[in-house]
Amino acid sequence: MDERSQGSERRRFRRTSVDRAGKVYIRHALRYLPVRAVDVSLGGLLLEIKTDRPLHIGEAIDVIIGDGQSAVVGGDDVVEARIAHVRPAEGGGQRVGLSFAREGAMAAVAA
C-alpha cells in the first residue's frame, strides 16, 4: 500500500488531516509535553508542540494521542517514533514531523 506522490513531493504516503490532542514523552528530558496532531500517514505524524525546548532530529519519543474518552492510557496507545524534522510553528512552539518506529502505528493515532 505504497501511495507515492507525484512531482517534487517527497512523502511516501498520503497524509490525512487530523485535529487531536495528546502528549509526547521526551526521553532525554524525562518529560511529557502536550501536543496537537495536525496530520497522519502510514509512515508518520505531524505535531504541534508548544515548547521552545530544543528537539533533535533522530531523537526517539513516545506519542500518546487521546481519544477523549478515557483518562487511562493502555500500552497499545503509546506509539514509538523518531523526530524527522523540526520547524517553528505560527504563534510559537514547534511543528515536529515524526517517523513511526513500526508499521501499523497509524491505527493507534487515527483511531
PDB file of N, CA and C in Angstrom:
ATOM      1  N   MET A   1       0.836  -1.185   0.000  1.00  0.00           N
ATOM      2  CA  MET A   1       0.000   0.000   0.000  1.00  0.00           C
ATOM      3  C   MET A   1       0.880   1.247   0.000  1.00  0.00           C
ATOM      4  N   ASP A   2       1.750   1.321  -0.945  1.00  0.00           N
ATOM      5  CA  ASP A   2       2.686   2.427  -1.056  1.00  0.00           C
ATOM      6  C   ASP A   2       2.093   3.455  -2.009  1.00  0.00           C
ATOM      7  N   GLU A   3       1.585   4.548  -1.453  1.00  0.00           N
ATOM      8  CA  GLU A   3       0.918   5.579  -2.249  1.00  0.00           C
ATOM      9  C   GLU A   3       1.897   6.706  -2.510  1.00  0.00           C
ATOM     10  N   ARG A   4       2.768   6.518  -3.477  1.00  0.00           N
ATOM     11  CA  ARG A   4       3.795   7.511  -3.768  1.00  0.00           C
ATOM     12  C   ARG A   4       3.185   8.728  -4.446  1.00  0.00           C
ATOM     13  N   SER A   5       3.665   9.891  -4.065  1.00  0.00           N
ATOM     14  CA  SER A   5       3.170  11.149  -4.618  1.00  0.00           C
ATOM     15  C   SER A   5       3.910  11.495  -5.900  1.00  0.00           C
ATOM     16  N   GLN A   6       3.330  12.377  -6.670  1.00  0.00           N
ATOM     17  CA  GLN A   6       3.921  12.842  -7.919  1.00  0.00           C
ATOM     18  C   GLN A   6       4.710  14.120  -7.692  1.00  0.00           C
ATOM     19  N   GLY A   7       5.572  14.482  -8.653  1.00  0.00           N
ATOM     20  CA  GLY A   7       6.268  15.761  -8.629  1.00  0.00           C
ATOM     21  C   GLY A   7       7.341  15.837  -7.572  1.00  0.00           C
ATOM     22  N   SER A   8       7.492  17.049  -6.996  1.00  0.00           N
ATOM     23  CA  SER A   8       8.566  17.298  -6.045  1.00  0.00           C
ATOM     24  C   SER A   8       8.230  16.846  -4.627  1.00  0.00           C
ATOM     25  N   GLU A   9       7.037  16.378  -4.390  1.00  0.00           N
ATOM     26  CA  GLU A   9       6.637  15.908  -3.065  1.00  0.00           C
ATOM     27  C   GLU A   9       7.468  14.689  -2.687  1.00  0.00           C
ATOM     28  N   ARG A  10       8.104  14.724  -1.512  1.00  0.00           N
ATOM     29  CA  ARG A  10       8.977  13.646  -1.083  1.00  0.00           C
ATOM     30  C   ARG A  10       8.260  12.598  -0.245  1.00  0.00           C
ATOM     31  N   ARG A  11       7.055  12.828   0.152  1.00  0.00           N
ATOM     32  CA  ARG A  11       6.369  11.909   1.041  1.00  0.00           C
ATOM     33  C   ARG A  11       6.081  10.581   0.339  1.00  0.00           C
ATOM     34  N   ARG A  12       6.278   9.507   1.090  1.00  0.00           N
ATOM     35  CA  ARG A  12       5.977   8.177   0.579  1.00  0.00           C
ATOM     36  C   ARG A  12       4.499   7.871   0.638  1.00  0.00           C
ATOM     37  N   PHE A  13       3.817   8.405   1.646  1.00  0.00           N
ATOM     38  CA  PHE A  13       2.415   8.079   1.869  1.00  0.00           C
ATOM     39  C   PHE A  13       1.557   9.337   1.932  1.00  0.00           C
ATOM     40  N   ARG A  14       0.323   9.202   1.490  1.00  0.00           N
ATOM     41  CA  ARG A  14      -0.628  10.303   1.543  1.00  0.00           C
ATOM     42  C   ARG A  14      -0.937  10.645   2.992  1.00  0.00           C
ATOM     43  N   ARG A  15      -1.024  11.932   3.295  1.00  0.00           N
ATOM     44  CA  ARG A  15      -1.321  12.391   4.656  1.00  0.00           C
ATOM     45  C   ARG A  15      -2.798  12.733   4.769  1.00  0.00           C
ATOM     46  N   THR A  16      -3.328  12.515   5.971  1.00  0.00           N
ATOM     47  CA  THR A  16      -4.714  12.831   6.284  1.00  0.00           C
ATOM     48  C   THR A  16      -4.724  13.842   7.417  1.00  0.00           C
ATOM     49  N   SER A  17      -5.466  14.928   7.245  1.00  0.00           N
ATOM     50  CA  SER A  17      -5.565  15.944   8.295  1.00  0.00           C
ATOM     51  C   SER A  17      -6.302  15.391   9.505  1.00  0.00           C
ATOM     52  N   VAL A  18      -5.795  15.727  10.675  1.00  0.00           N
ATOM     53  CA  VAL A  18      -6.444  15.376  11.936  1.00  0.00           C
ATOM     54  C   VAL A  18      -6.342  16.585  12.861  1.00  0.00           C
ATOM     55  N   ASP A  19      -7.112  16.585  13.909  1.00  0.00           N
ATOM     56  CA  ASP A  19      -7.031  17.623  14.935  1.00  0.00           C
ATOM     57  C   ASP A  19      -7.320  16.951  16.262  1.00  0.00           C
ATOM     58  N   ARG A  20      -6.271  16.377  16.837  1.00  0.00           N
ATOM     59  CA  ARG A  20      -6.430  15.598  18.061  1.00  0.00           C
ATOM     60  C   ARG A  20      -5.380  16.000  19.074  1.00  0.00           C
ATOM     61  N   ALA A  21      -5.789  16.116  20.318  1.00  0.00           N
ATOM     62  CA  ALA A  21      -4.866  16.438  21.410  1.00  0.00           C
ATOM     63  C   ALA A  21      -4.164  15.171  21.880  1.00  0.00           C
ATOM     64  N   GLY A  22      -3.006  15.368  22.473  1.00  0.00           N
ATOM     65  CA  GLY A  22      -2.258  14.246  23.021  1.00  0.00           C
ATOM     66  C   GLY A  22      -1.060  14.752  23.791  1.00  0.00           C
ATOM     67  N   LYS A  23      -0.090  13.872  23.943  1.00  0.00           N
ATOM     68  CA  LYS A  23       1.148  14.257  24.599  1.00  0.00           C
ATOM     69  C   LYS A  23       2.276  13.387  24.059  1.00  0.00           C
ATOM     70  N   VAL A  24       3.489  13.880  24.257  1.00  0.00           N
ATOM     71  CA  VAL A  24       4.671  13.107  23.897  1.00  0.00           C
ATOM     72  C   VAL A  24       5.554  13.004  25.127  1.00  0.00           C
ATOM     73  N   TYR A  25       6.280  11.914  25.196  1.00  0.00           N
ATOM     74  CA  TYR A  25       7.264  11.731  26.250  1.00  0.00           C
ATOM     75  C   TYR A  25       8.630  11.937  25.623  1.00  0.00           C
ATOM     76  N   ILE A  26       9.307  12.999  26.041  1.00  0.00           N
ATOM     77  CA  ILE A  26      10.646  13.311  25.554  1.00  0.00           C
ATOM     78  C   ILE A  26      11.626  12.562  26.442  1.00  0.00           C
ATOM     79  N   ARG A  27      12.217  11.540  25.915  1.00  0.00           N
ATOM     80  CA  ARG A  27      13.037  10.630  26.723  1.00  0.00           C
ATOM     81  C   ARG A  27      14.251  11.313  27.344  1.00  0.00           C
ATOM     82  N   HIS A  28      14.987  12.111  26.567  1.00  0.00           N
ATOM     83  CA  HIS A  28      16.213  12.710  27.116  1.00  0.00           C
ATOM     84  C   HIS A  28      15.911  13.713  28.231  1.00  0.00           C
ATOM     85  N   ALA A  29      14.721  14.308  28.182  1.00  0.00           N
ATOM     86  CA  ALA A  29      14.340  15.287  29.207  1.00  0.00           C
ATOM     87  C   ALA A  29      13.505  14.652  30.324  1.00  0.00           C
ATOM     88  N   LEU A  30      13.121  13.383  30.141  1.00  0.00           N
ATOM     89  CA  LEU A  30      12.257  12.693  31.103  1.00  0.00           C
ATOM     90  C   LEU A  30      11.014  13.521  31.399  1.00  0.00           C
ATOM     91  N   ARG A  31      10.364  13.979  30.317  1.00  0.00           N
ATOM     92  CA  ARG A  31       9.272  14.934  30.482  1.00  0.00           C
ATOM     93  C   ARG A  31       8.170  14.695  29.442  1.00  0.00           C
ATOM     94  N   TYR A  32       6.923  14.883  29.877  1.00  0.00           N
ATOM     95  CA  TYR A  32       5.777  14.863  28.967  1.00  0.00           C
ATOM     96  C   TYR A  32       5.469  16.288  28.527  1.00  0.00           C
ATOM     97  N   LEU A  33       5.072  16.443  27.264  1.00  0.00           N
ATOM     98  CA  LEU A  33       4.648  17.737  26.744  1.00  0.00           C
ATOM     99  C   LEU A  33       3.319  17.565  26.010  1.00  0.00           C
ATOM    100  N   PRO A  34       2.402  18.530  26.156  1.00  0.00           N
ATOM    101  CA  PRO A  34       1.150  18.449  25.411  1.00  0.00           C
ATOM    102  C   PRO A  34       1.389  18.737  23.931  1.00  0.00           C
ATOM    103  N   VAL A  35       0.617  18.063  23.068  1.00  0.00           N
ATOM    104  CA  VAL A  35       0.745  18.236  21.625  1.00  0.00           C
ATOM    105  C   VAL A  35      -0.631  18.262  20.980  1.00  0.00           C
ATOM    106  N   ARG A  36      -0.652  18.670  19.738  1.00  0.00           N
ATOM    107  CA  ARG A  36      -1.833  18.575  18.892  1.00  0.00           C
ATOM    108  C   ARG A  36      -1.384  17.926  17.597  1.00  0.00           C
ATOM    109  N   ALA A  37      -2.026  16.815  17.229  1.00  0.00           N
ATOM    110  CA  ALA A  37      -1.739  16.142  15.964  1.00  0.00           C
ATOM    111  C   ALA A  37      -2.367  16.955  14.828  1.00  0.00           C
ATOM    112  N   VAL A  38      -1.580  17.208  13.782  1.00  0.00           N
ATOM    113  CA  VAL A  38      -2.034  18.012  12.647  1.00  0.00           C
ATOM    114  C   VAL A  38      -2.378  17.126  11.461  1.00  0.00           C
ATOM    115  N   ASP A  39      -1.515  16.159  11.168  1.00  0.00           N
ATOM    116  CA  ASP A  39      -1.819  15.182  10.126  1.00  0.00           C
ATOM    117  C   ASP A  39      -1.084  13.881  10.403  1.00  0.00           C
ATOM    118  N   VAL A  40      -1.558  12.819   9.717  1.00  0.00           N
ATOM    119  CA  VAL A  40      -1.019  11.486   9.941  1.00  0.00           C
ATOM    120  C   VAL A  40      -0.965  10.748   8.600  1.00  0.00           C
ATOM    121  N   SER A  41      -0.012   9.839   8.476  1.00  0.00           N
ATOM    122  CA  SER A  41       0.085   8.972   7.304  1.00  0.00           C
ATOM    123  C   SER A  41       0.482   7.590   7.786  1.00  0.00           C
ATOM    124  N   LEU A  42       0.629   6.663   6.865  1.00  0.00           N
ATOM    125  CA  LEU A  42       1.072   5.324   7.246  1.00  0.00           C
ATOM    126  C   LEU A  42       2.471   5.345   7.853  1.00  0.00           C
ATOM    127  N   GLY A  43       3.283   6.324   7.464  1.00  0.00           N
ATOM    128  CA  GLY A  43       4.667   6.356   7.927  1.00  0.00           C
ATOM    129  C   GLY A  43       4.992   7.341   9.025  1.00  0.00           C
ATOM    130  N   GLY A  44       4.088   8.284   9.295  1.00  0.00           N
ATOM    131  CA  GLY A  44       4.452   9.287  10.288  1.00  0.00           C
ATOM    132  C   GLY A  44       3.325  10.198  10.697  1.00  0.00           C
ATOM    133  N   LEU A  45       3.715  11.257  11.413  1.00  0.00           N
ATOM    134  CA  LEU A  45       2.753  12.138  12.062  1.00  0.00           C
ATOM    135  C   LEU A  45       3.353  13.532  12.151  1.00  0.00           C
ATOM    136  N   LEU A  46       2.526  14.560  11.983  1.00  0.00           N
ATOM    137  CA  LEU A  46       2.959  15.939  12.182  1.00  0.00           C
ATOM    138  C   LEU A  46       2.260  16.472  13.419  1.00  0.00           C
ATOM    139  N   LEU A  47       3.064  16.992  14.362  1.00  0.00           N
ATOM    140  CA  LEU A  47       2.546  17.510  15.626  1.00  0.00           C
ATOM    141  C   LEU A  47       2.890  18.972  15.797  1.00  0.00           C
ATOM    142  N   GLU A  48       2.065  19.678  16.558  1.00  0.00           N
ATOM    143  CA  GLU A  48       2.417  20.998  17.061  1.00  0.00           C
ATOM    144  C   GLU A  48       2.686  20.847  18.547  1.00  0.00           C
ATOM    145  N   ILE A  49       3.857  21.308  18.970  1.00  0.00           N
ATOM    146  CA  ILE A  49       4.262  21.221  20.368  1.00  0.00           C
ATOM    147  C   ILE A  49       4.550  22.623  20.861  1.00  0.00           C
ATOM    148  N   LYS A  50       3.880  23.032  21.920  1.00  0.00           N
ATOM    149  CA  LYS A  50       4.078  24.372  22.484  1.00  0.00           C
ATOM    150  C   LYS A  50       5.251  24.357  23.463  1.00  0.00           C
ATOM    151  N   THR A  51       6.448  24.320  22.909  1.00  0.00           N
ATOM    152  CA  THR A  51       7.660  24.390  23.729  1.00  0.00           C
ATOM    153  C   THR A  51       8.779  25.014  22.907  1.00  0.00           C
ATOM    154  N   ASP A  52       9.662  25.698  23.601  1.00  0.00           N
ATOM    155  CA  ASP A  52      10.852  26.238  22.956  1.00  0.00           C
ATOM    156  C   ASP A  52      12.070  25.370  23.250  1.00  0.00           C
ATOM    157  N   ARG A  53      11.878  24.295  24.038  1.00  0.00           N
ATOM    158  CA  ARG A  53      12.986  23.374  24.318  1.00  0.00           C
ATOM    159  C   ARG A  53      13.465  22.765  23.004  1.00  0.00           C
ATOM    160  N   PRO A  54      14.761  22.651  22.829  1.00  0.00           N
ATOM    161  CA  PRO A  54      15.265  22.068  21.585  1.00  0.00           C
ATOM    162  C   PRO A  54      14.887  20.587  21.462  1.00  0.00           C
ATOM    163  N   LEU A  55      14.395  20.230  20.302  1.00  0.00           N
ATOM    164  CA  LEU A  55      14.122  18.841  19.952  1.00  0.00           C
ATOM    165  C   LEU A  55      15.072  18.489  18.810  1.00  0.00           C
ATOM    166  N   HIS A  56      15.555  17.251  18.785  1.00  0.00           N
ATOM    167  CA  HIS A  56      16.629  16.900  17.866  1.00  0.00           C
ATOM    168  C   HIS A  56      16.205  15.831  16.866  1.00  0.00           C
ATOM    169  N   ILE A  57      16.561  16.039  15.605  1.00  0.00           N
ATOM    170  CA  ILE A  57      16.289  15.065  14.558  1.00  0.00           C
ATOM    171  C   ILE A  57      16.944  13.739  14.939  1.00  0.00           C
ATOM    172  N   GLY A  58      16.188  12.665  14.778  1.00  0.00           N
ATOM    173  CA  GLY A  58      16.663  11.331  15.113  1.00  0.00           C
ATOM    174  C   GLY A  58      16.331  10.898  16.529  1.00  0.00           C
ATOM    175  N   GLU A  59      15.902  11.841  17.351  1.00  0.00           N
ATOM    176  CA  GLU A  59      15.571  11.545  18.750  1.00  0.00           C
ATOM    177  C   GLU A  59      14.321  10.655  18.828  1.00  0.00           C
ATOM    178  N   ALA A  60      14.368   9.633  19.674  1.00  0.00           N
ATOM    179  CA  ALA A  60      13.217   8.751  19.891  1.00  0.00           C
ATOM    180  C   ALA A  60      12.285   9.379  20.916  1.00  0.00           C
ATOM    181  N   ILE A  61      10.987   9.352  20.619  1.00  0.00           N
ATOM    182  CA  ILE A  61       9.981   9.858  21.554  1.00  0.00           C
ATOM    183  C   ILE A  61       8.793   8.902  21.551  1.00  0.00           C
ATOM    184  N   ASP A  62       7.986   8.977  22.588  1.00  0.00           N
ATOM    185  CA  ASP A  62       6.760   8.192  22.676  1.00  0.00           C
ATOM    186  C   ASP A  62       5.580   9.137  22.515  1.00  0.00           C
ATOM    187  N   VAL A  63       4.625   8.753  21.672  1.00  0.00           N
ATOM    188  CA  VAL A  63       3.476   9.593  21.348  1.00  0.00           C
ATOM    189  C   VAL A  63       2.211   8.941  21.898  1.00  0.00           C
ATOM    190  N   ILE A  64       1.382   9.746  22.531  1.00  0.00           N
ATOM    191  CA  ILE A  64       0.094   9.278  23.031  1.00  0.00           C
ATOM    192  C   ILE A  64      -0.952  10.272  22.543  1.00  0.00           C
ATOM    193  N   ILE A  65      -1.814   9.835  21.638  1.00  0.00           N
ATOM    194  CA  ILE A  65      -2.881  10.691  21.125  1.00  0.00           C
ATOM    195  C   ILE A  65      -4.178  10.181  21.730  1.00  0.00           C
ATOM    196  N   GLY A  66      -4.835  11.034  22.515  1.00  0.00           N
ATOM    197  CA  GLY A  66      -6.038  10.629  23.232  1.00  0.00           C
ATOM    198  C   GLY A  66      -7.259  10.572  22.345  1.00  0.00           C
ATOM    199  N   ASP A  67      -8.201   9.749  22.778  1.00  0.00           N
ATOM    200  CA  ASP A  67      -9.482   9.676  22.072  1.00  0.00           C
ATOM    201  C   ASP A  67     -10.546  10.521  22.756  1.00  0.00           C
ATOM    202  N   GLY A  68     -10.170  11.139  23.882  1.00  0.00           N
ATOM    203  CA  GLY A  68     -11.112  11.976  24.614  1.00  0.00           C
ATOM    204  C   GLY A  68     -12.114  11.191  25.431  1.00  0.00           C
ATOM    205  N   GLN A  69     -12.033   9.867  25.407  1.00  0.00           N
ATOM    206  CA  GLN A  69     -12.993   9.020  26.097  1.00  0.00           C
ATOM    207  C   GLN A  69     -12.473   8.470  27.417  1.00  0.00           C
ATOM    208  N   SER A  70     -11.144   8.360  27.553  1.00  0.00           N
ATOM    209  CA  SER A  70     -10.590   7.698  28.723  1.00  0.00           C
ATOM    210  C   SER A  70      -9.365   8.436  29.244  1.00  0.00           C
ATOM    211  N   ALA A  71      -9.256   8.490  30.565  1.00  0.00           N
ATOM    212  CA  ALA A  71      -8.076   9.098  31.175  1.00  0.00           C
ATOM    213  C   ALA A  71      -6.954   8.078  31.318  1.00  0.00           C
ATOM    214  N   VAL A  72      -7.272   6.805  31.117  1.00  0.00           N
ATOM    215  CA  VAL A  72      -6.292   5.732  31.251  1.00  0.00           C
ATOM    216  C   VAL A  72      -5.692   5.430  29.879  1.00  0.00           C
ATOM    217  N   VAL A  73      -4.371   5.336  29.831  1.00  0.00           N
ATOM    218  CA  VAL A  73      -3.667   5.055  28.588  1.00  0.00           C
ATOM    219  C   VAL A  73      -3.143   3.630  28.649  1.00  0.00           C
ATOM    220  N   GLY A  74      -3.511   2.830  27.675  1.00  0.00           N
ATOM    221  CA  GLY A  74      -3.020   1.460  27.588  1.00  0.00           C
ATOM    222  C   GLY A  74      -1.724   1.398  26.804  1.00  0.00           C
ATOM    223  N   GLY A  75      -1.005   0.309  26.942  1.00  0.00           N
ATOM    224  CA  GLY A  75       0.266   0.137  26.238  1.00  0.00           C
ATOM    225  C   GLY A  75       0.134   0.228  24.725  1.00  0.00           C
ATOM    226  N   ASP A  76      -1.017  -0.212  24.185  1.00  0.00           N
ATOM    227  CA  ASP A  76      -1.236  -0.141  22.738  1.00  0.00           C
ATOM    228  C   ASP A  76      -1.462   1.283  22.257  1.00  0.00           C
ATOM    229  N   ASP A  77      -1.723   2.210  23.174  1.00  0.00           N
ATOM    230  CA  ASP A  77      -1.977   3.599  22.806  1.00  0.00           C
ATOM    231  C   ASP A  77      -0.689   4.413  22.699  1.00  0.00           C
ATOM    232  N   VAL A  78       0.423   3.849  23.141  1.00  0.00           N
ATOM    233  CA  VAL A  78       1.717   4.534  23.085  1.00  0.00           C
ATOM    234  C   VAL A  78       2.421   4.124  21.804  1.00  0.00           C
ATOM    235  N   VAL A  79       2.781   5.131  20.978  1.00  0.00           N
ATOM    236  CA  VAL A  79       3.420   4.888  19.696  1.00  0.00           C
ATOM    237  C   VAL A  79       4.846   5.405  19.741  1.00  0.00           C
ATOM    238  N   GLU A  80       5.797   4.543  19.424  1.00  0.00           N
ATOM    239  CA  GLU A  80       7.194   4.962  19.376  1.00  0.00           C
ATOM    240  C   GLU A  80       7.486   5.573  18.012  1.00  0.00           C
ATOM    241  N   ALA A  81       8.186   6.711  18.033  1.00  0.00           N
ATOM    242  CA  ALA A  81       8.517   7.413  16.790  1.00  0.00           C
ATOM    243  C   ALA A  81       9.883   8.076  16.931  1.00  0.00           C
ATOM    244  N   ARG A  82      10.402   8.542  15.801  1.00  0.00           N
ATOM    245  CA  ARG A  82      11.647   9.303  15.770  1.00  0.00           C
ATOM    246  C   ARG A  82      11.370  10.643  15.101  1.00  0.00           C
ATOM    247  N   ILE A  83      12.041  11.682  15.580  1.00  0.00           N
ATOM    248  CA  ILE A  83      11.873  13.017  15.018  1.00  0.00           C
ATOM    249  C   ILE A  83      12.565  13.079  13.662  1.00  0.00           C
ATOM    250  N   ALA A  84      11.792  13.452  12.633  1.00  0.00           N
ATOM    251  CA  ALA A  84      12.317  13.566  11.273  1.00  0.00           C
ATOM    252  C   ALA A  84      12.674  15.011  10.922  1.00  0.00           C
ATOM    253  N   HIS A  85      11.891  15.961  11.424  1.00  0.00           N
ATOM    254  CA  HIS A  85      12.197  17.384  11.196  1.00  0.00           C
ATOM    255  C   HIS A  85      11.519  18.234  12.259  1.00  0.00           C
ATOM    256  N   VAL A  86      12.084  19.415  12.484  1.00  0.00           N
ATOM    257  CA  VAL A  86      11.549  20.370  13.464  1.00  0.00           C
ATOM    258  C   VAL A  86      11.555  21.745  12.818  1.00  0.00           C
ATOM    259  N   ARG A  87      10.416  22.446  12.896  1.00  0.00           N
ATOM    260  CA  ARG A  87      10.299  23.802  12.341  1.00  0.00           C
ATOM    261  C   ARG A  87       9.516  24.676  13.317  1.00  0.00           C
ATOM    262  N   PRO A  88       9.764  25.970  13.293  1.00  0.00           N
ATOM    263  CA  PRO A  88       8.965  26.866  14.144  1.00  0.00           C
ATOM    264  C   PRO A  88       7.493  26.828  13.719  1.00  0.00           C
ATOM    265  N   ALA A  89       6.586  26.947  14.674  1.00  0.00           N
ATOM    266  CA  ALA A  89       5.147  26.980  14.386  1.00  0.00           C
ATOM    267  C   ALA A  89       4.649  28.407  14.518  1.00  0.00           C
ATOM    268  N   GLU A  90       3.595  28.716  13.781  1.00  0.00           N
ATOM    269  CA  GLU A  90       2.964  30.027  13.920  1.00  0.00           C
ATOM    270  C   GLU A  90       2.447  30.173  15.339  1.00  0.00           C
ATOM    271  N   GLY A  91       2.653  31.317  15.932  1.00  0.00           N
ATOM    272  CA  GLY A  91       2.178  31.555  17.281  1.00  0.00           C
ATOM    273  C   GLY A  91       3.051  30.952  18.367  1.00  0.00           C
ATOM    274  N   GLY A  92       4.240  30.501  18.003  1.00  0.00           N
ATOM    275  CA  GLY A  92       5.152  29.932  18.995  1.00  0.00           C
ATOM    276  C   GLY A  92       5.132  28.415  18.994  1.00  0.00           C
ATOM    277  N   GLY A  93       6.096  27.854  19.635  1.00  0.00           N
ATOM    278  CA  GLY A  93       6.213  26.402  19.666  1.00  0.00           C
ATOM    279  C   GLY A  93       6.866  25.871  18.408  1.00  0.00           C
ATOM    280  N   GLN A  94       6.641  24.585  18.149  1.00  0.00           N
ATOM    281  CA  GLN A  94       7.307  23.927  17.029  1.00  0.00           C
ATOM    282  C   GLN A  94       6.360  22.972  16.316  1.00  0.00           C
ATOM    283  N   ARG A  95       6.597  22.788  15.031  1.00  0.00           N
ATOM    284  CA  ARG A  95       5.941  21.738  14.253  1.00  0.00           C
ATOM    285  C   ARG A  95       6.979  20.643  14.093  1.00  0.00           C
ATOM    286  N   VAL A  96       6.616  19.445  14.510  1.00  0.00           N
ATOM    287  CA  VAL A  96       7.562  18.340  14.551  1.00  0.00           C
ATOM    288  C   VAL A  96       7.030  17.199  13.702  1.00  0.00           C
ATOM    289  N   GLY A  97       7.815  16.811  12.702  1.00  0.00           N
ATOM    290  CA  GLY A  97       7.482  15.663  11.872  1.00  0.00           C
ATOM    291  C   GLY A  97       8.095  14.420  12.465  1.00  0.00           C
ATOM    292  N   LEU A  98       7.284  13.377  12.597  1.00  0.00           N
ATOM    293  CA  LEU A  98       7.740  12.127  13.197  1.00  0.00           C
ATOM    294  C   LEU A  98       7.651  10.989  12.191  1.00  0.00           C
ATOM    295  N   SER A  99       8.546  10.057  12.335  1.00  0.00           N
ATOM    296  CA  SER A  99       8.529   8.820  11.569  1.00  0.00           C
ATOM    297  C   SER A  99       8.227   7.684  12.539  1.00  0.00           C
ATOM    298  N   PHE A 100       7.187   6.892  12.251  1.00  0.00           N
ATOM    299  CA  PHE A 100       6.824   5.794  13.138  1.00  0.00           C
ATOM    300  C   PHE A 100       7.920   4.749  13.171  1.00  0.00           C
ATOM    301  N   ALA A 101       8.166   4.182  14.353  1.00  0.00           N
ATOM    302  CA  ALA A 101       9.196   3.158  14.517  1.00  0.00           C
ATOM    303  C   ALA A 101       8.729   1.786  14.035  1.00  0.00           C
ATOM    304  N   ARG A 102       7.406   1.576  13.961  1.00  0.00           N
ATOM    305  CA  ARG A 102       6.892   0.283  13.497  1.00  0.00           C
ATOM    306  C   ARG A 102       5.655   0.491  12.625  1.00  0.00           C
ATOM    307  N   GLU A 103       5.454  -0.453  11.715  1.00  0.00           N
ATOM    308  CA  GLU A 103       4.271  -0.397  10.852  1.00  0.00           C
ATOM    309  C   GLU A 103       3.017  -0.613  11.688  1.00  0.00           C
ATOM    310  N   GLY A 104       1.923  -0.056  11.242  1.00  0.00           N
ATOM    311  CA  GLY A 104       0.663  -0.226  11.938  1.00  0.00           C
ATOM    312  C   GLY A 104       0.440   0.776  13.055  1.00  0.00           C
ATOM    313  N   ALA A 105       1.416   1.647  13.295  1.00  0.00           N
ATOM    314  CA  ALA A 105       1.291   2.617  14.378  1.00  0.00           C
ATOM    315  C   ALA A 105       0.184   3.627  14.088  1.00  0.00           C
ATOM    316  N   MET A 106      -0.096   3.889  12.835  1.00  0.00           N
ATOM    317  CA  MET A 106      -1.112   4.881  12.480  1.00  0.00           C
ATOM    318  C   MET A 106      -2.456   4.524  13.089  1.00  0.00           C
ATOM    319  N   ALA A 107      -2.764   3.257  13.229  1.00  0.00           N
ATOM    320  CA  ALA A 107      -4.061   2.843  13.764  1.00  0.00           C
ATOM    321  C   ALA A 107      -4.280   3.386  15.165  1.00  0.00           C
ATOM    322  N   ALA A 108      -3.243   3.410  15.979  1.00  0.00           N
ATOM    323  CA  ALA A 108      -3.362   3.933  17.345  1.00  0.00           C
ATOM    324  C   ALA A 108      -3.580   5.430  17.350  1.00  0.00           C
ATOM    325  N   VAL A 109      -2.999   6.120  16.383  1.00  0.00           N
ATOM    326  CA  VAL A 109      -3.109   7.575  16.322  1.00  0.00           C
ATOM    327  C   VAL A 109      -4.431   7.993  15.702  1.00  0.00           C
ATOM    328  N   ALA A 110      -4.854   7.343  14.648  1.00  0.00           N
ATOM    329  CA  ALA A 110      -6.032   7.749  13.894  1.00  0.00           C
ATOM    330  C   ALA A 110      -7.330   7.188  14.449  1.00  0.00           C
ATOM    331  N   ALA A 111      -7.235   6.265  15.389  1.00  0.00           N
ATOM    332  CA  ALA A 111      -8.459   5.621  15.921  1.00  0.00           C
ATOM    333  C   ALA A 111      -9.385   6.591  16.594  1.00  0.00           C
TER     334      ALA A 111
END
